[in-house]
Amino acid sequence: MTSSHDEPLYVISVVARMVGVHAQTLRYYERAGLITPSRSEGNRRYYSERDLERLRHIKTLMDDMGMNLAGAEVALKLMERVADLEQQVQDMTAEMRRLRAQLERPALQEGRKP
C-alpha cells in the first residue's frame, strides 16, 4: 500500500522548477540511479512528495555541502541504512517491552514481585 507521500503527482517540468534544477539534471539523476520516478503508460515521469524530498536532499548535499554526485549517492545510502537500523532498534525495543510485560503478568497474578 502506498501512502499519499508516495503518490506520483508532479511532472518533470514542475519538479525541476520546485527543486531549482534543469529537467535534464533530473534525467541525469535518474540515469545515475539516485531517483526513480513513477512512469505513466505513455512513459512520462511523475514524481511524488518523497521524490521531491530526496531531490532537495541531493541538491543540498551537492550545493551547500560541496559533495559531488558520487559522494551524495554514498551519503544518501548511508542515511537510509541508518534510518533502517533505527527502525529495527525501535521494533526490538517495543518487542522487549511486550515480552517483559508478558513475563510480569503471571508474577503479578500470583502476588509475587517481578
PDB file of N, CA and C in Angstrom:
ATOM      1  N   MET A   1       0.842  -1.177   0.000  1.00  0.00           N
ATOM      2  CA  MET A   1       0.000   0.000   0.000  1.00  0.00           C
ATOM      3  C   MET A   1       0.889   1.242   0.000  1.00  0.00           C
ATOM      4  N   THR A   2       0.603   2.183  -0.867  1.00  0.00           N
ATOM      5  CA  THR A   2       1.399   3.402  -0.929  1.00  0.00           C
ATOM      6  C   THR A   2       0.710   4.500  -0.136  1.00  0.00           C
ATOM      7  N   SER A   3       1.528   5.302   0.520  1.00  0.00           N
ATOM      8  CA  SER A   3       0.976   6.427   1.260  1.00  0.00           C
ATOM      9  C   SER A   3       0.811   7.607   0.321  1.00  0.00           C
ATOM     10  N   SER A   4       0.118   8.636   0.773  1.00  0.00           N
ATOM     11  CA  SER A   4      -0.059   9.826  -0.051  1.00  0.00           C
ATOM     12  C   SER A   4       1.290  10.484  -0.326  1.00  0.00           C
ATOM     13  N   HIS A   5       2.257  10.218   0.532  1.00  0.00           N
ATOM     14  CA  HIS A   5       3.611  10.744   0.370  1.00  0.00           C
ATOM     15  C   HIS A   5       4.301  10.124  -0.851  1.00  0.00           C
ATOM     16  N   ASP A   6       3.871   8.922  -1.218  1.00  0.00           N
ATOM     17  CA  ASP A   6       4.462   8.198  -2.342  1.00  0.00           C
ATOM     18  C   ASP A   6       3.647   8.323  -3.621  1.00  0.00           C
ATOM     19  N   GLU A   7       2.542   9.027  -3.558  1.00  0.00           N
ATOM     20  CA  GLU A   7       1.658   9.166  -4.718  1.00  0.00           C
ATOM     21  C   GLU A   7       2.323  10.030  -5.790  1.00  0.00           C
ATOM     22  N   PRO A   8       2.497   9.504  -7.008  1.00  0.00           N
ATOM     23  CA  PRO A   8       3.102  10.314  -8.073  1.00  0.00           C
ATOM     24  C   PRO A   8       2.170  11.442  -8.504  1.00  0.00           C
ATOM     25  N   LEU A   9       2.638  12.685  -8.367  1.00  0.00           N
ATOM     26  CA  LEU A   9       1.783  13.843  -8.611  1.00  0.00           C
ATOM     27  C   LEU A   9       2.314  14.825  -9.636  1.00  0.00           C
ATOM     28  N   TYR A  10       3.631  14.982  -9.700  1.00  0.00           N
ATOM     29  CA  TYR A  10       4.221  16.087 -10.446  1.00  0.00           C
ATOM     30  C   TYR A  10       4.980  15.610 -11.682  1.00  0.00           C
ATOM     31  N   VAL A  11       4.848  16.363 -12.772  1.00  0.00           N
ATOM     32  CA  VAL A  11       5.620  16.074 -13.978  1.00  0.00           C
ATOM     33  C   VAL A  11       7.005  16.688 -13.846  1.00  0.00           C
ATOM     34  N   ILE A  12       7.896  16.299 -14.706  1.00  0.00           N
ATOM     35  CA  ILE A  12       9.304  16.671 -14.591  1.00  0.00           C
ATOM     36  C   ILE A  12       9.528  18.185 -14.633  1.00  0.00           C
ATOM     37  N   SER A  13       8.783  18.901 -15.473  1.00  0.00           N
ATOM     38  CA  SER A  13       8.991  20.350 -15.576  1.00  0.00           C
ATOM     39  C   SER A  13       8.621  21.061 -14.280  1.00  0.00           C
ATOM     40  N   VAL A  14       7.573  20.607 -13.630  1.00  0.00           N
ATOM     41  CA  VAL A  14       7.142  21.201 -12.359  1.00  0.00           C
ATOM     42  C   VAL A  14       8.165  20.899 -11.266  1.00  0.00           C
ATOM     43  N   VAL A  15       8.637  19.670 -11.219  1.00  0.00           N
ATOM     44  CA  VAL A  15       9.620  19.278 -10.215  1.00  0.00           C
ATOM     45  C   VAL A  15      10.923  20.050 -10.411  1.00  0.00           C
ATOM     46  N   ALA A  16      11.335  20.212 -11.658  1.00  0.00           N
ATOM     47  CA  ALA A  16      12.561  20.963 -11.942  1.00  0.00           C
ATOM     48  C   ALA A  16      12.462  22.379 -11.378  1.00  0.00           C
ATOM     49  N   ARG A  17      11.325  23.021 -11.574  1.00  0.00           N
ATOM     50  CA  ARG A  17      11.125  24.368 -11.021  1.00  0.00           C
ATOM     51  C   ARG A  17      11.086  24.355  -9.504  1.00  0.00           C
ATOM     52  N   MET A  18      10.406  23.369  -8.928  1.00  0.00           N
ATOM     53  CA  MET A  18      10.278  23.297  -7.473  1.00  0.00           C
ATOM     54  C   MET A  18      11.625  23.069  -6.791  1.00  0.00           C
ATOM     55  N   VAL A  19      12.464  22.259  -7.396  1.00  0.00           N
ATOM     56  CA  VAL A  19      13.754  21.922  -6.799  1.00  0.00           C
ATOM     57  C   VAL A  19      14.823  22.942  -7.185  1.00  0.00           C
ATOM     58  N   GLY A  20      14.650  23.574  -8.328  1.00  0.00           N
ATOM     59  CA  GLY A  20      15.623  24.561  -8.771  1.00  0.00           C
ATOM     60  C   GLY A  20      16.745  23.985  -9.604  1.00  0.00           C
ATOM     61  N   VAL A  21      16.417  22.979 -10.403  1.00  0.00           N
ATOM     62  CA  VAL A  21      17.390  22.377 -11.317  1.00  0.00           C
ATOM     63  C   VAL A  21      16.739  22.261 -12.693  1.00  0.00           C
ATOM     64  N   HIS A  22      17.536  21.932 -13.687  1.00  0.00           N
ATOM     65  CA  HIS A  22      17.009  21.716 -15.028  1.00  0.00           C
ATOM     66  C   HIS A  22      16.399  20.325 -15.120  1.00  0.00           C
ATOM     67  N   ALA A  23      15.439  20.168 -16.001  1.00  0.00           N
ATOM     68  CA  ALA A  23      14.827  18.851 -16.224  1.00  0.00           C
ATOM     69  C   ALA A  23      15.890  17.842 -16.646  1.00  0.00           C
ATOM     70  N   GLN A  24      16.866  18.288 -17.401  1.00  0.00           N
ATOM     71  CA  GLN A  24      17.947  17.392 -17.830  1.00  0.00           C
ATOM     72  C   GLN A  24      18.729  16.861 -16.631  1.00  0.00           C
ATOM     73  N   THR A  25      18.878  17.677 -15.595  1.00  0.00           N
ATOM     74  CA  THR A  25      19.553  17.241 -14.373  1.00  0.00           C
ATOM     75  C   THR A  25      18.765  16.118 -13.709  1.00  0.00           C
ATOM     76  N   LEU A  26      17.452  16.247 -13.695  1.00  0.00           N
ATOM     77  CA  LEU A  26      16.612  15.197 -13.118  1.00  0.00           C
ATOM     78  C   LEU A  26      16.743  13.900 -13.916  1.00  0.00           C
ATOM     79  N   ARG A  27      16.809  14.015 -15.223  1.00  0.00           N
ATOM     80  CA  ARG A  27      17.004  12.821 -16.063  1.00  0.00           C
ATOM     81  C   ARG A  27      18.360  12.172 -15.757  1.00  0.00           C
ATOM     82  N   TYR A  28      19.353  13.014 -15.565  1.00  0.00           N
ATOM     83  CA  TYR A  28      20.691  12.517 -15.230  1.00  0.00           C
ATOM     84  C   TYR A  28      20.675  11.791 -13.886  1.00  0.00           C
ATOM     85  N   TYR A  29      20.030  12.375 -12.892  1.00  0.00           N
ATOM     86  CA  TYR A  29      19.918  11.726 -11.582  1.00  0.00           C
ATOM     87  C   TYR A  29      19.220  10.371 -11.713  1.00  0.00           C
ATOM     88  N   GLU A  30      18.231  10.309 -12.582  1.00  0.00           N
ATOM     89  CA  GLU A  30      17.532   9.042 -12.792  1.00  0.00           C
ATOM     90  C   GLU A  30      18.480   8.026 -13.428  1.00  0.00           C
ATOM     91  N   ARG A  31      19.225   8.424 -14.444  1.00  0.00           N
ATOM     92  CA  ARG A  31      20.183   7.509 -15.084  1.00  0.00           C
ATOM     93  C   ARG A  31      21.243   7.046 -14.092  1.00  0.00           C
ATOM     94  N   ALA A  32      21.627   7.930 -13.170  1.00  0.00           N
ATOM     95  CA  ALA A  32      22.634   7.594 -12.161  1.00  0.00           C
ATOM     96  C   ALA A  32      22.059   6.706 -11.055  1.00  0.00           C
ATOM     97  N   GLY A  33      20.754   6.532 -11.033  1.00  0.00           N
ATOM     98  CA  GLY A  33      20.119   5.671 -10.044  1.00  0.00           C
ATOM     99  C   GLY A  33      19.807   6.354  -8.728  1.00  0.00           C
ATOM    100  N   LEU A  34      19.891   7.680  -8.685  1.00  0.00           N
ATOM    101  CA  LEU A  34      19.612   8.402  -7.442  1.00  0.00           C
ATOM    102  C   LEU A  34      18.124   8.582  -7.192  1.00  0.00           C
ATOM    103  N   ILE A  35      17.340   8.557  -8.235  1.00  0.00           N
ATOM    104  CA  ILE A  35      15.900   8.777  -8.121  1.00  0.00           C
ATOM    105  C   ILE A  35      15.203   7.868  -9.133  1.00  0.00           C
ATOM    106  N   THR A  36      14.028   7.386  -8.767  1.00  0.00           N
ATOM    107  CA  THR A  36      13.268   6.533  -9.669  1.00  0.00           C
ATOM    108  C   THR A  36      11.818   7.013  -9.690  1.00  0.00           C
ATOM    109  N   PRO A  37      11.523   7.963 -10.570  1.00  0.00           N
ATOM    110  CA  PRO A  37      10.142   8.446 -10.630  1.00  0.00           C
ATOM    111  C   PRO A  37       9.218   7.382 -11.207  1.00  0.00           C
ATOM    112  N   SER A  38       7.943   7.514 -10.904  1.00  0.00           N
ATOM    113  CA  SER A  38       6.949   6.626 -11.494  1.00  0.00           C
ATOM    114  C   SER A  38       6.805   6.968 -12.966  1.00  0.00           C
ATOM    115  N   ARG A  39       6.299   6.029 -13.733  1.00  0.00           N
ATOM    116  CA  ARG A  39       6.081   6.262 -15.162  1.00  0.00           C
ATOM    117  C   ARG A  39       4.628   5.997 -15.511  1.00  0.00           C
ATOM    118  N   SER A  40       4.099   6.836 -16.394  1.00  0.00           N
ATOM    119  CA  SER A  40       2.734   6.637 -16.884  1.00  0.00           C
ATOM    120  C   SER A  40       2.771   5.630 -18.024  1.00  0.00           C
ATOM    121  N   GLU A  41       1.606   5.256 -18.522  1.00  0.00           N
ATOM    122  CA  GLU A  41       1.548   4.338 -19.660  1.00  0.00           C
ATOM    123  C   GLU A  41       2.237   4.950 -20.872  1.00  0.00           C
ATOM    124  N   GLY A  42       2.201   6.263 -20.987  1.00  0.00           N
ATOM    125  CA  GLY A  42       2.879   6.958 -22.072  1.00  0.00           C
ATOM    126  C   GLY A  42       4.350   7.216 -21.781  1.00  0.00           C
ATOM    127  N   ASN A  43       4.871   6.630 -20.695  1.00  0.00           N
ATOM    128  CA  ASN A  43       6.268   6.727 -20.284  1.00  0.00           C
ATOM    129  C   ASN A  43       6.665   8.110 -19.765  1.00  0.00           C
ATOM    130  N   ARG A  44       5.700   8.911 -19.330  1.00  0.00           N
ATOM    131  CA  ARG A  44       6.003  10.214 -18.714  1.00  0.00           C
ATOM    132  C   ARG A  44       6.412   9.997 -17.271  1.00  0.00           C
ATOM    133  N   ARG A  45       7.358  10.800 -16.820  1.00  0.00           N
ATOM    134  CA  ARG A  45       7.825  10.715 -15.440  1.00  0.00           C
ATOM    135  C   ARG A  45       6.872  11.474 -14.524  1.00  0.00           C
ATOM    136  N   TYR A  46       6.564  10.858 -13.380  1.00  0.00           N
ATOM    137  CA  TYR A  46       5.766  11.510 -12.348  1.00  0.00           C
ATOM    138  C   TYR A  46       6.477  11.337 -11.012  1.00  0.00           C
ATOM    139  N   TYR A  47       6.602  12.437 -10.297  1.00  0.00           N
ATOM    140  CA  TYR A  47       7.345  12.461  -9.040  1.00  0.00           C
ATOM    141  C   TYR A  47       6.398  12.624  -7.859  1.00  0.00           C
ATOM    142  N   SER A  48       6.742  11.975  -6.757  1.00  0.00           N
ATOM    143  CA  SER A  48       5.959  12.049  -5.525  1.00  0.00           C
ATOM    144  C   SER A  48       6.590  13.065  -4.578  1.00  0.00           C
ATOM    145  N   GLU A  49       5.909  13.314  -3.472  1.00  0.00           N
ATOM    146  CA  GLU A  49       6.466  14.178  -2.432  1.00  0.00           C
ATOM    147  C   GLU A  49       7.767  13.583  -1.882  1.00  0.00           C
ATOM    148  N   ARG A  50       7.810  12.264  -1.747  1.00  0.00           N
ATOM    149  CA  ARG A  50       9.024  11.604  -1.264  1.00  0.00           C
ATOM    150  C   ARG A  50      10.174  11.829  -2.256  1.00  0.00           C
ATOM    151  N   ASP A  51       9.876  11.746  -3.558  1.00  0.00           N
ATOM    152  CA  ASP A  51      10.893  12.027  -4.580  1.00  0.00           C
ATOM    153  C   ASP A  51      11.400  13.463  -4.453  1.00  0.00           C
ATOM    154  N   LEU A  52      10.466  14.397  -4.232  1.00  0.00           N
ATOM    155  CA  LEU A  52      10.860  15.803  -4.060  1.00  0.00           C
ATOM    156  C   LEU A  52      11.793  15.982  -2.872  1.00  0.00           C
ATOM    157  N   GLU A  53      11.475  15.343  -1.763  1.00  0.00           N
ATOM    158  CA  GLU A  53      12.328  15.434  -0.578  1.00  0.00           C
ATOM    159  C   GLU A  53      13.724  14.911  -0.886  1.00  0.00           C
ATOM    160  N   ARG A  54      13.774  13.788  -1.569  1.00  0.00           N
ATOM    161  CA  ARG A  54      15.075  13.186  -1.912  1.00  0.00           C
ATOM    162  C   ARG A  54      15.866  14.115  -2.837  1.00  0.00           C
ATOM    163  N   LEU A  55      15.191  14.691  -3.826  1.00  0.00           N
ATOM    164  CA  LEU A  55      15.869  15.606  -4.751  1.00  0.00           C
ATOM    165  C   LEU A  55      16.390  16.844  -4.027  1.00  0.00           C
ATOM    166  N   ARG A  56      15.593  17.361  -3.115  1.00  0.00           N
ATOM    167  CA  ARG A  56      16.048  18.527  -2.345  1.00  0.00           C
ATOM    168  C   ARG A  56      17.252  18.168  -1.484  1.00  0.00           C
ATOM    169  N   HIS A  57      17.234  16.955  -0.953  1.00  0.00           N
ATOM    170  CA  HIS A  57      18.351  16.498  -0.141  1.00  0.00           C
ATOM    171  C   HIS A  57      19.612  16.371  -1.002  1.00  0.00           C
ATOM    172  N   ILE A  58      19.478  15.807  -2.184  1.00  0.00           N
ATOM    173  CA  ILE A  58      20.613  15.690  -3.108  1.00  0.00           C
ATOM    174  C   ILE A  58      21.164  17.074  -3.431  1.00  0.00           C
ATOM    175  N   LYS A  59      20.276  17.996  -3.723  1.00  0.00           N
ATOM    176  CA  LYS A  59      20.687  19.362  -4.072  1.00  0.00           C
ATOM    177  C   LYS A  59      21.425  20.007  -2.900  1.00  0.00           C
ATOM    178  N   THR A  60      20.946  19.820  -1.697  1.00  0.00           N
ATOM    179  CA  THR A  60      21.611  20.363  -0.508  1.00  0.00           C
ATOM    180  C   THR A  60      23.003  19.762  -0.337  1.00  0.00           C
ATOM    181  N   LEU A  61      23.098  18.452  -0.474  1.00  0.00           N
ATOM    182  CA  LEU A  61      24.399  17.800  -0.334  1.00  0.00           C
ATOM    183  C   LEU A  61      25.401  18.333  -1.354  1.00  0.00           C
ATOM    184  N   MET A  62      24.939  18.541  -2.564  1.00  0.00           N
ATOM    185  CA  MET A  62      25.845  18.977  -3.623  1.00  0.00           C
ATOM    186  C   MET A  62      26.131  20.476  -3.559  1.00  0.00           C
ATOM    187  N   ASP A  63      25.108  21.277  -3.400  1.00  0.00           N
ATOM    188  CA  ASP A  63      25.288  22.731  -3.441  1.00  0.00           C
ATOM    189  C   ASP A  63      25.833  23.300  -2.138  1.00  0.00           C
ATOM    190  N   ASP A  64      25.232  22.911  -1.028  1.00  0.00           N
ATOM    191  CA  ASP A  64      25.597  23.508   0.258  1.00  0.00           C
ATOM    192  C   ASP A  64      26.765  22.812   0.946  1.00  0.00           C
ATOM    193  N   MET A  65      26.914  21.510   0.692  1.00  0.00           N
ATOM    194  CA  MET A  65      27.970  20.764   1.375  1.00  0.00           C
ATOM    195  C   MET A  65      29.137  20.437   0.456  1.00  0.00           C
ATOM    196  N   GLY A  66      29.029  20.800  -0.807  1.00  0.00           N
ATOM    197  CA  GLY A  66      30.147  20.643  -1.729  1.00  0.00           C
ATOM    198  C   GLY A  66      30.437  19.233  -2.193  1.00  0.00           C
ATOM    199  N   MET A  67      29.483  18.336  -2.044  1.00  0.00           N
ATOM    200  CA  MET A  67      29.712  16.955  -2.485  1.00  0.00           C
ATOM    201  C   MET A  67      29.498  16.843  -3.988  1.00  0.00           C
ATOM    202  N   ASN A  68      30.207  15.886  -4.575  1.00  0.00           N
ATOM    203  CA  ASN A  68      29.907  15.567  -5.964  1.00  0.00           C
ATOM    204  C   ASN A  68      28.777  14.528  -5.977  1.00  0.00           C
ATOM    205  N   LEU A  69      28.348  14.131  -7.151  1.00  0.00           N
ATOM    206  CA  LEU A  69      27.210  13.226  -7.263  1.00  0.00           C
ATOM    207  C   LEU A  69      27.486  11.883  -6.595  1.00  0.00           C
ATOM    208  N   ALA A  70      28.695  11.363  -6.766  1.00  0.00           N
ATOM    209  CA  ALA A  70      29.043  10.082  -6.148  1.00  0.00           C
ATOM    210  C   ALA A  70      29.019  10.189  -4.624  1.00  0.00           C
ATOM    211  N   GLY A  71      29.534  11.287  -4.095  1.00  0.00           N
ATOM    212  CA  GLY A  71      29.516  11.493  -2.647  1.00  0.00           C
ATOM    213  C   GLY A  71      28.104  11.610  -2.113  1.00  0.00           C
ATOM    214  N   ALA A  72      27.253  12.321  -2.850  1.00  0.00           N
ATOM    215  CA  ALA A  72      25.852  12.459  -2.445  1.00  0.00           C
ATOM    216  C   ALA A  72      25.167  11.098  -2.445  1.00  0.00           C
ATOM    217  N   GLU A  73      25.480  10.278  -3.435  1.00  0.00           N
ATOM    218  CA  GLU A  73      24.878   8.942  -3.501  1.00  0.00           C
ATOM    219  C   GLU A  73      25.284   8.103  -2.294  1.00  0.00           C
ATOM    220  N   VAL A  74      26.571   8.126  -1.947  1.00  0.00           N
ATOM    221  CA  VAL A  74      27.055   7.369  -0.785  1.00  0.00           C
ATOM    222  C   VAL A  74      26.400   7.894   0.489  1.00  0.00           C
ATOM    223  N   ALA A  75      26.342   9.211   0.643  1.00  0.00           N
ATOM    224  CA  ALA A  75      25.737   9.806   1.837  1.00  0.00           C
ATOM    225  C   ALA A  75      24.268   9.406   1.957  1.00  0.00           C
ATOM    226  N   LEU A  76      23.535   9.438   0.851  1.00  0.00           N
ATOM    227  CA  LEU A  76      22.123   9.049   0.879  1.00  0.00           C
ATOM    228  C   LEU A  76      21.949   7.591   1.280  1.00  0.00           C
ATOM    229  N   LYS A  77      22.784   6.718   0.731  1.00  0.00           N
ATOM    230  CA  LYS A  77      22.696   5.298   1.077  1.00  0.00           C
ATOM    231  C   LYS A  77      23.005   5.072   2.554  1.00  0.00           C
ATOM    232  N   LEU A  78      24.004   5.782   3.066  1.00  0.00           N
ATOM    233  CA  LEU A  78      24.333   5.653   4.489  1.00  0.00           C
ATOM    234  C   LEU A  78      23.189   6.155   5.372  1.00  0.00           C
ATOM    235  N   MET A  79      22.590   7.272   4.985  1.00  0.00           N
ATOM    236  CA  MET A  79      21.470   7.814   5.770  1.00  0.00           C
ATOM    237  C   MET A  79      20.273   6.867   5.738  1.00  0.00           C
ATOM    238  N   GLU A  80      20.033   6.238   4.598  1.00  0.00           N
ATOM    239  CA  GLU A  80      18.940   5.270   4.507  1.00  0.00           C
ATOM    240  C   GLU A  80      19.216   4.059   5.392  1.00  0.00           C
ATOM    241  N   ARG A  81      20.471   3.610   5.403  1.00  0.00           N
ATOM    242  CA  ARG A  81      20.848   2.470   6.225  1.00  0.00           C
ATOM    243  C   ARG A  81      20.696   2.796   7.708  1.00  0.00           C
ATOM    244  N   VAL A  82      21.112   3.984   8.102  1.00  0.00           N
ATOM    245  CA  VAL A  82      20.959   4.417   9.499  1.00  0.00           C
ATOM    246  C   VAL A  82      19.477   4.452   9.873  1.00  0.00           C
ATOM    247  N   ALA A  83      18.642   4.987   8.992  1.00  0.00           N
ATOM    248  CA  ALA A  83      17.197   5.042   9.266  1.00  0.00           C
ATOM    249  C   ALA A  83      16.625   3.635   9.411  1.00  0.00           C
ATOM    250  N   ASP A  84      17.062   2.704   8.561  1.00  0.00           N
ATOM    251  CA  ASP A  84      16.599   1.312   8.660  1.00  0.00           C
ATOM    252  C   ASP A  84      17.020   0.700   9.998  1.00  0.00           C
ATOM    253  N   LEU A  85      18.259   0.939  10.391  1.00  0.00           N
ATOM    254  CA  LEU A  85      18.746   0.396  11.663  1.00  0.00           C
ATOM    255  C   LEU A  85      18.018   1.014  12.853  1.00  0.00           C
ATOM    256  N   GLU A  86      17.736   2.317  12.783  1.00  0.00           N
ATOM    257  CA  GLU A  86      16.976   2.962  13.855  1.00  0.00           C
ATOM    258  C   GLU A  86      15.589   2.346  13.972  1.00  0.00           C
ATOM    259  N   GLN A  87      14.963   2.033  12.844  1.00  0.00           N
ATOM    260  CA  GLN A  87      13.642   1.399  12.873  1.00  0.00           C
ATOM    261  C   GLN A  87      13.722   0.011  13.489  1.00  0.00           C
ATOM    262  N   GLN A  88      14.779  -0.728  13.164  1.00  0.00           N
ATOM    263  CA  GLN A  88      14.959  -2.054  13.750  1.00  0.00           C
ATOM    264  C   GLN A  88      15.124  -1.957  15.263  1.00  0.00           C
ATOM    265  N   VAL A  89      15.883  -0.984  15.728  1.00  0.00           N
ATOM    266  CA  VAL A  89      16.078  -0.794  17.176  1.00  0.00           C
ATOM    267  C   VAL A  89      14.741  -0.477  17.845  1.00  0.00           C
ATOM    268  N   GLN A  90      13.949   0.401  17.220  1.00  0.00           N
ATOM    269  CA  GLN A  90      12.627   0.735  17.779  1.00  0.00           C
ATOM    270  C   GLN A  90      11.734  -0.505  17.832  1.00  0.00           C
ATOM    271  N   ASP A  91      11.760  -1.299  16.776  1.00  0.00           N
ATOM    272  CA  ASP A  91      10.945  -2.524  16.747  1.00  0.00           C
ATOM    273  C   ASP A  91      11.383  -3.506  17.825  1.00  0.00           C
ATOM    274  N   MET A  92      12.695  -3.661  17.993  1.00  0.00           N
ATOM    275  CA  MET A  92      13.212  -4.580  19.008  1.00  0.00           C
ATOM    276  C   MET A  92      12.895  -4.083  20.417  1.00  0.00           C
ATOM    277  N   THR A  93      12.989  -2.793  20.629  1.00  0.00           N
ATOM    278  CA  THR A  93      12.665  -2.210  21.930  1.00  0.00           C
ATOM    279  C   THR A  93      11.194  -2.451  22.267  1.00  0.00           C
ATOM    280  N   ALA A  94      10.336  -2.250  21.298  1.00  0.00           N
ATOM    281  CA  ALA A  94       8.905  -2.490  21.520  1.00  0.00           C
ATOM    282  C   ALA A  94       8.646  -3.966  21.824  1.00  0.00           C
ATOM    283  N   GLU A  95       9.321  -4.849  21.125  1.00  0.00           N
ATOM    284  CA  GLU A  95       9.162  -6.284  21.370  1.00  0.00           C
ATOM    285  C   GLU A  95       9.672  -6.667  22.756  1.00  0.00           C
ATOM    286  N   MET A  96      10.793  -6.089  23.175  1.00  0.00           N
ATOM    287  CA  MET A  96      11.306  -6.361  24.527  1.00  0.00           C
ATOM    288  C   MET A  96      10.317  -5.898  25.586  1.00  0.00           C
ATOM    289  N   ARG A  97       9.740  -4.724  25.398  1.00  0.00           N
ATOM    290  CA  ARG A  97       8.748  -4.229  26.362  1.00  0.00           C
ATOM    291  C   ARG A  97       7.534  -5.151  26.425  1.00  0.00           C
ATOM    292  N   ARG A  98       7.115  -5.604  25.250  1.00  0.00           N
ATOM    293  CA  ARG A  98       5.963  -6.503  25.200  1.00  0.00           C
ATOM    294  C   ARG A  98       6.280  -7.802  25.938  1.00  0.00           C
ATOM    295  N   LEU A  99       7.463  -8.360  25.706  1.00  0.00           N
ATOM    296  CA  LEU A  99       7.844  -9.610  26.363  1.00  0.00           C
ATOM    297  C   LEU A  99       8.003  -9.432  27.873  1.00  0.00           C
ATOM    298  N   ARG A 100       8.583  -8.303  28.290  1.00  0.00           N
ATOM    299  CA  ARG A 100       8.712  -8.037  29.729  1.00  0.00           C
ATOM    300  C   ARG A 100       7.342  -7.933  30.389  1.00  0.00           C
ATOM    301  N   ALA A 101       6.436  -7.228  29.734  1.00  0.00           N
ATOM    302  CA  ALA A 101       5.086  -7.088  30.285  1.00  0.00           C
ATOM    303  C   ALA A 101       4.401  -8.443  30.371  1.00  0.00           C
ATOM    304  N   GLN A 102       4.642  -9.281  29.395  1.00  0.00           N
ATOM    305  CA  GLN A 102       4.048 -10.618  29.380  1.00  0.00           C
ATOM    306  C   GLN A 102       4.614 -11.462  30.526  1.00  0.00           C
ATOM    307  N   LEU A 103       5.900 -11.325  30.810  1.00  0.00           N
ATOM    308  CA  LEU A 103       6.519 -12.072  31.907  1.00  0.00           C
ATOM    309  C   LEU A 103       6.063 -11.554  33.267  1.00  0.00           C
ATOM    310  N   GLU A 104       5.816 -10.262  33.374  1.00  0.00           N
ATOM    311  CA  GLU A 104       5.410  -9.669  34.650  1.00  0.00           C
ATOM    312  C   GLU A 104       3.971 -10.012  35.011  1.00  0.00           C
ATOM    313  N   ARG A 105       3.120 -10.235  34.046  1.00  0.00           N
ATOM    314  CA  ARG A 105       1.706 -10.515  34.316  1.00  0.00           C
ATOM    315  C   ARG A 105       1.499 -11.735  35.204  1.00  0.00           C
ATOM    316  N   PRO A 106       2.117 -12.883  34.915  1.00  0.00           N
ATOM    317  CA  PRO A 106       1.908 -14.042  35.798  1.00  0.00           C
ATOM    318  C   PRO A 106       2.412 -13.786  37.219  1.00  0.00           C
ATOM    319  N   ALA A 107       3.527 -13.061  37.333  1.00  0.00           N
ATOM    320  CA  ALA A 107       4.068 -12.772  38.659  1.00  0.00           C
ATOM    321  C   ALA A 107       3.101 -11.896  39.448  1.00  0.00           C
ATOM    322  N   LEU A 108       2.494 -10.933  38.807  1.00  0.00           N
ATOM    323  CA  LEU A 108       1.533 -10.059  39.475  1.00  0.00           C
ATOM    324  C   LEU A 108       0.269 -10.823  39.852  1.00  0.00           C
ATOM    325  N   GLN A 109      -0.142 -11.738  38.995  1.00  0.00           N
ATOM    326  CA  GLN A 109      -1.347 -12.504  39.270  1.00  0.00           C
ATOM    327  C   GLN A 109      -1.161 -13.437  40.468  1.00  0.00           C
ATOM    328  N   GLU A 110       0.064 -13.922  40.663  1.00  0.00           N
ATOM    329  CA  GLU A 110       0.335 -14.827  41.792  1.00  0.00           C
ATOM    330  C   GLU A 110       0.719 -14.060  43.045  1.00  0.00           C
ATOM    331  N   GLY A 111       0.795 -12.748  42.963  1.00  0.00           N
ATOM    332  CA  GLY A 111       1.136 -11.949  44.124  1.00  0.00           C
ATOM    333  C   GLY A 111       2.632 -11.861  44.384  1.00  0.00           C
ATOM    334  N   ARG A 112       3.412 -12.272  43.425  1.00  0.00           N
ATOM    335  CA  ARG A 112       4.873 -12.198  43.565  1.00  0.00           C
ATOM    336  C   ARG A 112       5.365 -10.886  42.998  1.00  0.00           C
ATOM    337  N   LYS A 113       6.553 -10.548  43.426  1.00  0.00           N
ATOM    338  CA  LYS A 113       7.205  -9.385  42.849  1.00  0.00           C
ATOM    339  C   LYS A 113       7.927  -9.839  41.582  1.00  0.00           C
ATOM    340  N   PRO A 114       7.933  -9.003  40.540  1.00  0.00           N
ATOM    341  CA  PRO A 114       8.616  -9.395  39.307  1.00  0.00           C
ATOM    342  C   PRO A 114      10.109  -9.487  39.461  1.00  0.00           C
TER     343      PRO A 114
END
